Amino acid sequence: MNRIRNLTGNIHTAANGQKTYDVFYASSGLIPVIGRLLQQQFGFSPQSTPAIGLDEIVIEIEKDGIKLSLGWDIWSGAYVLSFCEEGSQWVAHIAQFLDDEFSKSIYQQYVST
């Protein structure tokens, strides 16, 4: 089966009961790009330096007391994960924005091979 690889994301309910937006075919290089977009468009700021492991990258971002996790791993690709109901509402809004943004050809360099 030949799957078309692109940066279309999906919203799921995570194990914590909150929403997560996953971009399965994203390379790890997309994480700083997403971080900048979320800061510029929505005002989310990093709360720590990224934790970088062999197979994952995680950073917490925050706006007005609402924390989200921005990350990448070998299982999910890139993701934005909520920790609370208000955050889940933000994840839905962010997902819509990123799906529109990632349809632009300049982001194709971040599709994993």
Protein backbone atom coordinates (compact mmCIF):
# COMPACT_ATOMS: atom_id res chain seq x y z
CA MET A 1 0.00 0.00 0.00
CA ASN A 2 1.43 3.38 -0.98
CA ARG A 3 0.63 6.07 1.60
CA ILE A 4 1.01 9.70 0.72
CA ARG A 5 3.19 11.34 3.34
CA ASN A 6 2.18 14.84 4.32
CA LEU A 7 1.81 17.02 7.38
CA THR A 8 -1.92 16.58 7.86
CA GLY A 9 -2.61 16.14 11.56
CA ASN A 10 -5.26 14.35 13.59
CA ILE A 11 -6.89 15.13 16.92
CA HIS A 12 -7.16 12.27 19.39
CA THR A 13 -8.00 11.81 23.05
CA ALA A 14 -4.82 11.04 24.96
CA ALA A 15 -4.47 8.68 27.91
CA ASN A 16 -4.97 11.66 30.26
CA GLY A 17 -8.45 12.22 28.78
CA GLN A 18 -7.44 15.45 27.04
CA LYS A 19 -6.90 16.28 23.39
CA THR A 20 -3.71 15.78 21.44
CA TYR A 21 -2.96 16.88 17.90
CA ASP A 22 -0.56 14.53 16.12
CA VAL A 23 1.27 15.06 12.83
CA PHE A 24 2.44 11.50 12.19
CA TYR A 25 4.80 12.11 9.26
CA ALA A 26 6.56 15.15 10.77
CA SER A 27 10.31 15.08 11.23
CA SER A 28 11.79 16.28 14.52
CA GLY A 29 12.97 19.45 12.76
CA LEU A 30 9.37 20.69 12.72
CA ILE A 31 9.28 21.18 16.51
CA PRO A 32 11.14 24.53 16.58
CA VAL A 33 8.95 25.69 13.70
CA ILE A 34 5.76 24.78 15.57
CA GLY A 35 7.12 26.46 18.70
CA ARG A 36 7.72 29.71 16.82
CA LEU A 37 4.29 29.56 15.17
CA LEU A 38 2.53 28.99 18.49
CA GLN A 39 4.43 31.86 20.07
CA GLN A 40 3.80 34.27 17.17
CA GLN A 41 0.18 33.37 16.47
CA PHE A 42 -1.16 32.51 19.92
CA GLY A 43 1.28 33.83 22.52
CA PHE A 44 2.36 30.45 23.95
CA SER A 45 5.84 30.67 25.49
CA PRO A 46 8.32 27.93 26.39
CA GLN A 47 8.48 27.16 30.12
CA SER A 48 11.72 25.19 30.02
CA THR A 49 14.45 24.10 27.69
CA PRO A 50 13.52 21.14 25.50
CA ALA A 51 14.19 17.66 26.88
CA ILE A 52 15.89 15.80 24.05
CA GLY A 53 16.34 12.04 24.07
CA LEU A 54 17.32 9.51 21.43
CA ASP A 55 13.74 9.06 20.26
CA GLU A 56 11.84 12.07 21.59
CA ILE A 57 11.78 15.83 22.15
CA VAL A 58 9.46 17.46 24.71
CA ILE A 59 8.94 21.04 25.83
CA GLU A 60 6.17 22.60 27.91
CA ILE A 61 4.61 25.79 26.62
CA GLU A 62 2.22 28.08 28.46
CA LYS A 63 -0.20 30.96 27.98
CA ASP A 64 -2.35 32.52 30.70
CA GLY A 65 -1.80 29.55 33.01
CA ILE A 66 -2.71 26.96 30.37
CA LYS A 67 0.11 24.49 29.78
CA LEU A 68 0.54 22.34 26.71
CA SER A 69 3.22 19.85 25.80
CA LEU A 70 4.89 20.30 22.42
CA GLY A 71 6.91 17.35 21.29
CA TRP A 72 8.03 14.77 18.81
CA ASP A 73 8.64 11.06 19.19
CA ILE A 74 9.15 8.06 16.96
CA TRP A 75 5.61 6.80 17.63
CA SER A 76 3.46 9.91 17.12
CA GLY A 77 5.56 12.30 15.06
CA ALA A 78 5.01 15.90 16.17
CA TYR A 79 2.29 16.57 18.74
CA VAL A 80 0.62 19.23 20.86
CA LEU A 81 -0.88 17.71 24.01
CA SER A 82 -3.26 19.26 26.54
CA PHE A 83 -3.33 18.74 30.30
CA CYS A 84 -6.77 20.31 30.97
CA GLU A 85 -10.14 21.06 29.35
CA GLU A 86 -9.18 24.64 28.47
CA GLY A 87 -6.00 23.30 26.90
CA SER A 88 -8.03 20.82 24.85
CA GLN A 89 -9.98 23.74 23.41
CA TRP A 90 -6.66 25.38 22.49
CA VAL A 91 -5.44 22.15 20.89
CA ALA A 92 -8.50 22.10 18.61
CA HIS A 93 -7.89 25.72 17.62
CA ILE A 94 -4.16 25.14 17.09
CA ALA A 95 -4.84 22.02 15.01
CA GLN A 96 -7.02 23.99 12.62
CA PHE A 97 -4.35 26.68 12.26
CA LEU A 98 -1.47 24.21 11.78
CA ASP A 99 -3.35 22.10 9.22
CA ASP A 100 -3.92 25.23 7.16
CA GLU A 101 -0.32 26.39 7.65
CA PHE A 102 1.24 23.01 6.85
CA SER A 103 -0.62 22.80 3.54
CA LYS A 104 1.90 25.40 2.26
CA SER A 105 4.72 23.95 0.19
CA ILE A 106 7.48 25.52 2.34
CA TYR A 107 6.77 22.93 5.06
CA GLN A 108 7.25 19.88 2.83
CA GLN A 109 10.91 19.74 3.87
CA TYR A 110 9.70 18.58 7.30
CA VAL A 111 7.91 15.45 6.06
CA SER A 112 9.80 12.41 7.38
CA THR A 113 11.07 9.89 4.90
